[in-house]
N, C-alpha and C. Protein backbone atom coordinates (compact mmCIF):
# COMPACT_ATOMS: atom_id res chain seq x y z
N MET A 1 -45.59 153.40 107.15
CA MET A 1 -46.74 153.08 106.35
C MET A 1 -46.96 154.22 105.37
N ILE A 2 -47.21 153.87 104.15
CA ILE A 2 -47.45 154.87 103.11
C ILE A 2 -48.81 154.58 102.49
N ARG A 3 -49.59 155.60 102.30
CA ARG A 3 -50.90 155.48 101.64
C ARG A 3 -50.84 156.30 100.37
N PHE A 4 -51.57 155.87 99.37
CA PHE A 4 -51.62 156.57 98.09
C PHE A 4 -53.05 156.94 97.76
N THR A 5 -53.19 158.03 97.04
CA THR A 5 -54.47 158.36 96.45
C THR A 5 -54.33 158.12 94.94
N ALA A 6 -55.44 157.87 94.29
CA ALA A 6 -55.38 157.58 92.86
C ALA A 6 -56.70 157.95 92.21
N ASP A 7 -56.64 158.13 90.92
CA ASP A 7 -57.83 158.31 90.11
C ASP A 7 -58.01 157.05 89.28
N ILE A 8 -59.25 156.65 89.06
CA ILE A 8 -59.52 155.46 88.25
C ILE A 8 -59.27 155.81 86.79
N VAL A 9 -58.38 155.04 86.17
CA VAL A 9 -58.06 155.23 84.76
C VAL A 9 -58.77 154.18 83.92
N GLU A 10 -58.92 152.99 84.50
CA GLU A 10 -59.57 151.89 83.82
C GLU A 10 -60.49 151.22 84.83
N GLU A 11 -61.68 150.89 84.43
CA GLU A 11 -62.67 150.33 85.35
C GLU A 11 -62.34 148.92 85.83
N SER A 12 -61.74 148.11 84.98
CA SER A 12 -61.45 146.73 85.39
C SER A 12 -60.17 146.70 86.23
N ILE A 13 -60.20 145.89 87.28
CA ILE A 13 -59.04 145.75 88.15
C ILE A 13 -58.50 144.34 87.98
N LYS A 14 -57.22 144.23 87.65
CA LYS A 14 -56.60 142.92 87.48
C LYS A 14 -55.72 142.66 88.70
N PHE A 15 -55.83 141.45 89.27
CA PHE A 15 -55.01 141.10 90.41
C PHE A 15 -54.80 139.59 90.44
N ASP A 16 -53.76 139.18 91.13
CA ASP A 16 -53.41 137.77 91.24
C ASP A 16 -54.34 137.10 92.25
N THR A 17 -55.25 136.28 91.76
CA THR A 17 -56.22 135.64 92.64
C THR A 17 -55.59 134.59 93.55
N GLU A 18 -54.35 134.20 93.29
CA GLU A 18 -53.65 133.27 94.17
C GLU A 18 -53.08 134.00 95.39
N GLU A 19 -52.88 135.30 95.29
CA GLU A 19 -52.26 136.07 96.35
C GLU A 19 -53.24 136.98 97.10
N ILE A 20 -54.25 137.48 96.40
CA ILE A 20 -55.15 138.48 96.96
C ILE A 20 -56.58 137.96 96.85
N LEU A 21 -57.33 138.06 97.95
CA LEU A 21 -58.70 137.55 97.95
C LEU A 21 -59.68 138.45 97.20
N ASP A 22 -59.49 139.78 97.31
CA ASP A 22 -60.44 140.71 96.69
C ASP A 22 -59.79 142.07 96.52
N VAL A 23 -60.19 142.77 95.50
CA VAL A 23 -59.73 144.12 95.24
C VAL A 23 -60.93 144.95 94.84
N GLN A 24 -61.01 146.17 95.36
CA GLN A 24 -62.11 147.04 94.97
C GLN A 24 -61.74 148.50 95.21
N TRP A 25 -62.34 149.37 94.42
CA TRP A 25 -62.19 150.81 94.64
C TRP A 25 -63.23 151.23 95.66
N LEU A 26 -62.82 152.04 96.62
CA LEU A 26 -63.73 152.53 97.64
C LEU A 26 -63.71 154.05 97.68
N ASP A 27 -64.86 154.64 97.78
CA ASP A 27 -64.95 156.08 97.96
C ASP A 27 -64.59 156.41 99.40
N ILE A 28 -63.92 157.53 99.61
CA ILE A 28 -63.50 157.93 100.95
C ILE A 28 -64.68 157.97 101.91
N LYS A 29 -65.83 158.47 101.46
CA LYS A 29 -66.99 158.55 102.37
C LYS A 29 -67.43 157.16 102.82
N ASP A 30 -67.27 156.16 101.96
CA ASP A 30 -67.62 154.80 102.34
C ASP A 30 -66.63 154.24 103.36
N VAL A 31 -65.36 154.52 103.17
CA VAL A 31 -64.34 154.06 104.11
C VAL A 31 -64.55 154.71 105.47
N LYS A 32 -64.88 156.00 105.48
CA LYS A 32 -65.10 156.71 106.74
C LYS A 32 -66.25 156.13 107.55
N SER A 33 -67.19 155.49 106.90
CA SER A 33 -68.34 154.93 107.61
C SER A 33 -68.12 153.48 108.05
N MET A 34 -66.97 152.90 107.74
CA MET A 34 -66.70 151.51 108.11
C MET A 34 -66.32 151.40 109.59
N THR A 35 -66.65 150.27 110.18
CA THR A 35 -66.29 150.00 111.57
C THR A 35 -64.91 149.36 111.64
N ASP A 36 -64.40 149.23 112.85
CA ASP A 36 -63.08 148.60 113.00
C ASP A 36 -63.10 147.12 112.64
N LYS A 37 -64.27 146.52 112.59
CA LYS A 37 -64.40 145.12 112.16
C LYS A 37 -64.36 145.00 110.64
N GLU A 38 -64.74 146.07 109.95
CA GLU A 38 -64.80 146.04 108.48
C GLU A 38 -63.52 146.54 107.82
N LEU A 39 -62.74 147.32 108.54
CA LEU A 39 -61.59 147.99 107.94
C LEU A 39 -60.32 147.65 108.69
N ARG A 40 -59.41 146.97 108.02
CA ARG A 40 -58.12 146.63 108.61
C ARG A 40 -57.34 147.92 108.90
N GLY A 41 -56.75 147.99 110.08
CA GLY A 41 -56.01 149.19 110.44
C GLY A 41 -56.91 150.41 110.55
N HIS A 42 -58.08 150.21 111.10
CA HIS A 42 -59.13 151.24 111.14
C HIS A 42 -58.63 152.59 111.62
N ASP A 43 -58.02 152.64 112.80
CA ASP A 43 -57.60 153.92 113.37
C ASP A 43 -56.60 154.64 112.48
N THR A 44 -55.63 153.89 111.96
CA THR A 44 -54.63 154.48 111.07
C THR A 44 -55.26 154.96 109.78
N SER A 45 -56.16 154.16 109.23
CA SER A 45 -56.82 154.53 107.98
C SER A 45 -57.67 155.79 108.14
N ILE A 46 -58.41 155.88 109.23
CA ILE A 46 -59.25 157.05 109.47
C ILE A 46 -58.38 158.28 109.69
N GLN A 47 -57.26 158.13 110.40
CA GLN A 47 -56.35 159.27 110.59
C GLN A 47 -55.76 159.71 109.26
N PHE A 48 -55.43 158.75 108.39
CA PHE A 48 -54.94 159.09 107.06
C PHE A 48 -55.96 159.93 106.30
N ILE A 49 -57.22 159.54 106.36
CA ILE A 49 -58.28 160.29 105.67
C ILE A 49 -58.38 161.70 106.24
N ARG A 50 -58.33 161.83 107.55
CA ARG A 50 -58.38 163.17 108.17
C ARG A 50 -57.21 164.03 107.69
N ASP A 51 -56.02 163.44 107.68
CA ASP A 51 -54.84 164.18 107.20
C ASP A 51 -55.00 164.58 105.74
N PHE A 52 -55.50 163.66 104.91
CA PHE A 52 -55.73 163.94 103.50
C PHE A 52 -56.71 165.10 103.33
N GLU A 53 -57.81 165.05 104.09
CA GLU A 53 -58.81 166.12 104.00
C GLU A 53 -58.27 167.45 104.51
N ASP A 54 -57.28 167.42 105.39
CA ASP A 54 -56.65 168.64 105.90
C ASP A 54 -55.51 169.12 105.00
N GLY A 55 -55.32 168.45 103.86
CA GLY A 55 -54.29 168.86 102.91
C GLY A 55 -52.89 168.39 103.26
N LYS A 56 -52.78 167.45 104.16
CA LYS A 56 -51.47 166.92 104.55
C LYS A 56 -51.08 165.80 103.60
N ILE A 57 -50.75 166.18 102.38
CA ILE A 57 -50.33 165.22 101.36
C ILE A 57 -48.96 165.67 100.85
N TYR A 58 -48.12 164.72 100.51
CA TYR A 58 -46.74 165.02 100.16
C TYR A 58 -46.33 164.23 98.93
N GLN A 59 -45.46 164.81 98.13
CA GLN A 59 -44.91 164.14 96.97
C GLN A 59 -43.97 163.03 97.41
N LEU A 60 -43.86 161.96 96.64
CA LEU A 60 -43.00 160.84 97.01
C LEU A 60 -41.52 161.21 97.06
N ASP A 61 -41.13 162.26 96.36
CA ASP A 61 -39.71 162.61 96.36
C ASP A 61 -39.24 163.20 97.70
N ILE A 62 -40.14 163.29 98.70
CA ILE A 62 -39.68 163.71 100.02
C ILE A 62 -38.84 162.61 100.66
N PHE A 63 -38.97 161.38 100.16
CA PHE A 63 -38.17 160.28 100.68
C PHE A 63 -36.84 160.25 99.96
N ASN A 64 -35.78 160.34 100.72
CA ASN A 64 -34.44 160.28 100.14
C ASN A 64 -33.92 158.87 100.34
N ASN A 65 -34.16 158.02 99.37
CA ASN A 65 -33.82 156.61 99.50
C ASN A 65 -32.32 156.34 99.48
N THR A 66 -31.51 157.29 99.07
CA THR A 66 -30.08 157.03 98.96
C THR A 66 -29.45 156.71 100.31
N LYS A 67 -29.99 157.23 101.41
CA LYS A 67 -29.38 156.94 102.70
C LYS A 67 -29.71 155.53 103.19
N TYR A 68 -30.66 154.85 102.54
CA TYR A 68 -30.99 153.49 102.93
C TYR A 68 -30.32 152.44 102.08
N ILE A 69 -29.65 152.86 101.03
CA ILE A 69 -28.94 151.92 100.14
C ILE A 69 -27.59 151.60 100.75
N ARG A 70 -27.29 150.31 100.81
CA ARG A 70 -26.00 149.89 101.39
C ARG A 70 -24.98 149.71 100.32
């Protein structure tokens, strides 16, 4: 599982309404206050936030995709 952080560049969010029911930007403090009923993958998501706050973030180039190419 990979999680990304991002900065809002444009306020409007475009998404395929046939594939996705809803899209929204959430502040980390709001996500941290969600219950397991409100947040899919609650335990994993909360652990991700803890790791992020502890500075455990890595550049994507740590993945060496060449060994997975057949």
